[in-house]
Amino acid sequence: MGKNFILSGLTATVVNLIMNAGAYFLFLKGVFEENPPVSKAFQSQLVRPADQLVGWAMVATSLTMGFFIATVIRWSGARTFVSGLKKGLIVGLLFWSSVNFGLYASSNHFSLVGVLVDLPCSALAMTVAAASAAWVLGKGEKN
């Protein structure tokens, strides 16, 4: 695991985190509030308020996803932004379809509307993060 891979993973982490947070605060939060799968009282028991988030766990999940993306892109051979977009779109759609539909099928925590709106947002974030990771990997190979 070289410096270039680490930079790729960190880039994917930052891009993915910013895009997911932006999608949530600009769009998804309202959709989730308008289409709750359960009562507000029960939902408040399931979801931590922003001031009670566990910081180290948020960092861990962000880094884990970023390095997952970088690993998949590295293995795929994508080394340009465009090739990373193509590979990232496939991985993002498959990964987030599995997660979203799996959670919808097995829990009462997500509404179908929430799933169908979250899926393209999450897949898009992963796609752009993958493209960024591929770009960083490609730049490192040229040096």
Protein backbone atom coordinates (compact mmCIF):
# COMPACT_ATOMS: atom_id res chain seq x y z
CA MET A 1 0.00 0.00 0.00
CA GLY A 2 1.86 3.03 -1.29
CA LYS A 3 1.51 6.76 -0.85
CA ASN A 4 -0.53 7.04 -4.04
CA PHE A 5 -3.10 4.50 -2.83
CA ILE A 6 -3.39 6.29 0.52
CA LEU A 7 -3.96 9.61 -1.26
CA SER A 8 -6.55 7.93 -3.46
CA GLY A 9 -8.37 6.52 -0.43
CA LEU A 10 -8.32 9.86 1.38
CA THR A 11 -9.57 11.64 -1.74
CA ALA A 12 -12.43 9.15 -2.12
CA THR A 13 -13.24 9.57 1.58
CA VAL A 14 -13.51 13.35 1.37
CA VAL A 15 -15.44 13.42 -1.92
CA ASN A 16 -17.87 10.72 -0.78
CA LEU A 17 -18.44 12.36 2.60
CA ILE A 18 -19.02 15.84 1.17
CA MET A 19 -21.39 14.59 -1.52
CA ASN A 20 -23.40 12.40 0.89
CA ALA A 21 -23.63 15.14 3.52
CA GLY A 22 -24.63 17.67 0.87
CA ALA A 23 -27.31 15.38 -0.54
CA TYR A 24 -28.66 14.70 2.92
CA PHE A 25 -28.88 18.31 4.07
CA LEU A 26 -30.07 19.71 0.74
CA PHE A 27 -32.52 17.00 -0.25
CA LEU A 28 -32.74 13.70 1.60
CA LYS A 29 -33.48 15.01 5.09
CA GLY A 30 -36.74 16.55 3.86
CA VAL A 31 -37.71 13.40 1.96
CA PHE A 32 -37.02 11.21 4.98
CA GLU A 33 -39.02 13.54 7.24
CA GLU A 34 -41.98 13.60 4.82
CA ASN A 35 -41.94 9.81 4.32
CA PRO A 36 -41.21 8.25 7.69
CA PRO A 37 -41.40 4.46 7.83
CA VAL A 38 -42.43 4.55 11.50
CA SER A 39 -43.84 7.04 14.00
CA LYS A 40 -41.74 10.09 14.96
CA ALA A 41 -41.47 8.79 18.52
CA PHE A 42 -40.07 5.44 17.39
CA GLN A 43 -37.81 7.11 14.81
CA SER A 44 -36.32 9.32 17.54
CA GLN A 45 -35.35 6.14 19.41
CA LEU A 46 -33.58 4.74 16.33
CA VAL A 47 -31.66 7.79 15.10
CA ARG A 48 -29.24 9.84 17.15
CA PRO A 49 -29.62 13.61 17.05
CA ALA A 50 -26.71 15.46 15.41
CA ASP A 51 -25.29 16.51 18.79
CA GLN A 52 -25.09 12.86 19.90
CA LEU A 53 -23.27 11.38 16.90
CA VAL A 54 -20.24 9.28 17.78
CA GLY A 55 -17.37 11.16 16.15
CA TRP A 56 -14.78 8.41 15.99
CA ALA A 57 -17.32 6.03 14.43
CA MET A 58 -18.25 8.63 11.80
CA VAL A 59 -14.56 9.00 10.94
CA ALA A 60 -14.16 5.21 10.83
CA THR A 61 -17.14 4.69 8.52
CA SER A 62 -16.03 7.52 6.21
CA LEU A 63 -12.48 6.20 5.94
CA THR A 64 -13.64 2.62 5.50
CA MET A 65 -15.92 3.57 2.61
CA GLY A 66 -13.25 5.77 1.02
CA PHE A 67 -10.67 3.00 1.09
CA PHE A 68 -13.25 0.45 -0.09
CA ILE A 69 -13.88 2.67 -3.12
CA ALA A 70 -10.15 3.18 -3.72
CA THR A 71 -9.52 -0.57 -3.48
CA VAL A 72 -12.25 -1.44 -5.97
CA ILE A 73 -11.02 1.23 -8.37
CA ARG A 74 -7.42 0.10 -8.01
CA TRP A 75 -8.40 -3.50 -8.74
CA SER A 76 -10.54 -2.38 -11.70
CA GLY A 77 -7.58 -0.73 -13.41
CA ALA A 78 -9.38 2.63 -13.80
CA ARG A 79 -6.81 5.43 -13.91
CA THR A 80 -8.67 8.39 -15.37
CA PHE A 81 -11.62 10.40 -14.11
CA VAL A 82 -13.86 9.11 -16.92
CA SER A 83 -12.88 5.46 -16.48
CA GLY A 84 -13.45 5.89 -12.74
CA LEU A 85 -16.91 7.32 -13.44
CA LYS A 86 -17.82 4.29 -15.53
CA LYS A 87 -16.54 1.73 -13.04
CA GLY A 88 -17.82 3.73 -10.08
CA LEU A 89 -21.32 3.97 -11.55
CA ILE A 90 -21.56 0.20 -11.88
CA VAL A 91 -20.16 -0.45 -8.40
CA GLY A 92 -22.22 2.35 -6.86
CA LEU A 93 -25.52 1.20 -8.34
CA LEU A 94 -24.92 -2.44 -7.42
CA PHE A 95 -23.61 -1.71 -3.92
CA TRP A 96 -26.30 0.80 -2.94
CA SER A 97 -29.10 -1.21 -4.55
CA SER A 98 -28.06 -4.14 -2.40
CA VAL A 99 -27.85 -2.04 0.78
CA ASN A 100 -31.04 -0.03 0.25
CA PHE A 101 -33.26 -2.87 -0.91
CA GLY A 102 -31.79 -5.21 1.69
CA LEU A 103 -32.57 -2.76 4.50
CA TYR A 104 -36.04 -2.12 3.10
CA ALA A 105 -36.71 -5.86 2.84
CA SER A 106 -35.50 -6.69 6.33
CA SER A 107 -36.33 -3.70 8.52
CA ASN A 108 -38.93 -1.06 9.25
CA HIS A 109 -36.34 1.70 9.29
CA PHE A 110 -36.76 2.80 5.64
CA SER A 111 -39.75 3.71 3.53
CA LEU A 112 -39.83 2.70 -0.12
CA VAL A 113 -39.78 6.39 -1.10
CA GLY A 114 -36.71 6.91 1.08
CA VAL A 115 -34.99 3.94 -0.51
CA LEU A 116 -35.76 5.07 -4.06
CA VAL A 117 -34.49 8.59 -3.34
CA ASP A 118 -31.44 7.57 -1.32
CA LEU A 119 -30.26 5.04 -3.91
CA PRO A 120 -29.39 7.49 -6.73
CA CYS A 121 -27.90 10.00 -4.28
CA SER A 122 -25.64 7.41 -2.64
CA ALA A 123 -24.71 5.84 -5.99
CA LEU A 124 -23.84 9.27 -7.42
CA ALA A 125 -21.63 10.10 -4.45
CA MET A 126 -19.82 6.76 -4.80
CA THR A 127 -19.48 7.28 -8.57
CA VAL A 128 -17.82 10.67 -8.24
CA ALA A 129 -15.64 9.45 -5.36
CA ALA A 130 -14.54 6.51 -7.53
CA ALA A 131 -13.75 8.85 -10.42
CA SER A 132 -11.67 11.01 -8.08
CA ALA A 133 -9.86 7.95 -6.73
CA ALA A 134 -9.07 6.78 -10.27
CA TRP A 135 -7.77 10.24 -11.19
CA VAL A 136 -5.44 10.26 -8.17
CA LEU A 137 -4.25 6.73 -8.93
CA GLY A 138 -3.57 7.72 -12.55
CA LYS A 139 -1.66 10.85 -11.57
CA GLY A 140 0.53 8.84 -9.21
CA GLU A 141 1.47 6.34 -11.92
CA LYS A 142 2.64 9.14 -14.24
CA ASN A 143 5.08 10.52 -11.65
